[in-house]
Protein backbone atom coordinates (compact mmCIF):
# COMPACT_ATOMS: atom_id res chain seq x y z
CA MET A 1 17.07 -93.34 269.33
CA MET A 2 12.90 -92.73 268.35
CA GLN A 3 13.87 -89.83 267.53
CA GLU A 4 16.12 -90.49 264.66
CA GLY A 5 14.25 -93.01 263.65
CA ILE A 6 15.65 -97.04 262.93
CA GLU A 7 16.57 -96.52 259.34
CA SER A 8 19.18 -93.90 260.23
CA VAL A 9 20.66 -95.91 262.97
CA LYS A 10 21.14 -98.15 260.71
CA GLU A 11 22.63 -96.25 258.03
CA LYS A 12 24.83 -94.77 260.68
CA LEU A 13 26.17 -98.57 261.49
CA LEU A 14 26.74 -99.04 258.03
CA GLU A 15 28.73 -96.00 257.55
CA LYS A 16 30.73 -96.85 260.95
CA ILE A 17 31.89 -100.34 260.01
CA THR A 18 32.42 -99.97 256.61
CA ASP A 19 35.98 -98.49 257.72
CA LEU A 20 36.98 -101.29 260.04
CA PRO A 21 39.77 -103.08 259.65
CA GLU A 22 38.38 -107.27 259.06
CA SER A 23 39.08 -108.32 262.48
CA ARG A 24 37.32 -105.88 264.20
CA LEU A 25 34.68 -106.60 262.03
CA GLN A 26 34.62 -110.04 263.10
CA GLU A 27 34.24 -108.42 266.64
CA VAL A 28 31.29 -106.52 265.49
CA LEU A 29 29.26 -109.90 263.99
CA ASP A 30 30.33 -111.57 267.67
CA PHE A 31 28.63 -108.80 269.46
CA VAL A 32 25.31 -108.84 267.38
CA ASP A 33 25.48 -112.12 267.79
CA PHE A 34 25.12 -112.06 271.43
CA LEU A 35 22.85 -108.70 271.68
CA ARG A 36 20.61 -111.27 269.37
CA SER A 37 21.16 -114.03 271.81
CA ARG A 38 19.90 -112.90 275.12
CA GLY A 39 16.90 -111.38 273.69
CA VAL A 40 13.88 -109.17 275.38
CA ASN A 41 12.48 -111.63 278.31
CA ASP A 42 9.38 -109.91 278.93
CA ASP A 43 8.54 -112.52 281.57
CA ASP A 44 11.13 -112.48 283.95
CA PRO A 45 8.57 -112.56 287.18
CA ILE A 46 11.29 -109.81 289.30
CA LEU A 47 10.79 -107.52 287.03
CA LYS A 48 6.74 -108.05 287.75
CA VAL A 49 7.31 -107.10 291.35
CA ALA A 50 9.14 -104.98 290.79
CA GLY A 51 7.23 -102.72 288.67
CA CYS A 52 4.89 -103.09 292.09
CA LEU A 53 7.64 -101.64 294.42
CA SER A 54 7.10 -97.98 293.30
CA GLY A 55 3.33 -97.93 295.15
CA SER A 56 2.75 -99.44 298.60
CA PRO A 57 4.48 -101.91 299.89
CA LEU A 58 3.69 -105.92 299.29
CA SER A 59 3.72 -108.35 301.83
CA VAL A 60 6.00 -111.45 302.14
CA HIS A 61 3.36 -113.60 301.01
CA GLU A 62 2.35 -111.17 298.44
CA ILE A 63 5.76 -110.94 297.05
CA GLU A 64 5.74 -114.78 296.35
CA GLU A 65 2.87 -114.88 294.80
CA ASN A 66 4.26 -112.87 292.61
CA LEU A 67 7.08 -114.45 291.68
CA TYR A 68 5.87 -118.29 292.07
CA GLY A 69 2.72 -118.22 292.11
CA SER A 70 -0.60 -119.42 294.14
CA LYS A 71 1.19 -122.85 295.71
CA GLY A 72 -1.04 -123.32 298.47
CA VAL A 73 1.40 -121.85 300.74
């Protein structure tokens, strides 16, 4: 998608939805609303730990510390 540019993608979307019947347009709108409501959560602790998995192994304590923070356990 980066190669085409965001404006080109928007233009293609507009071209494709122009020919859709009204009932399908509502489906497209619902889907877009769904995508927007999901958002992007970069603060997911699971994703932070997953990035570490490509390197050296972590102990259970290190994984829990990454997931839940230091709680003095």
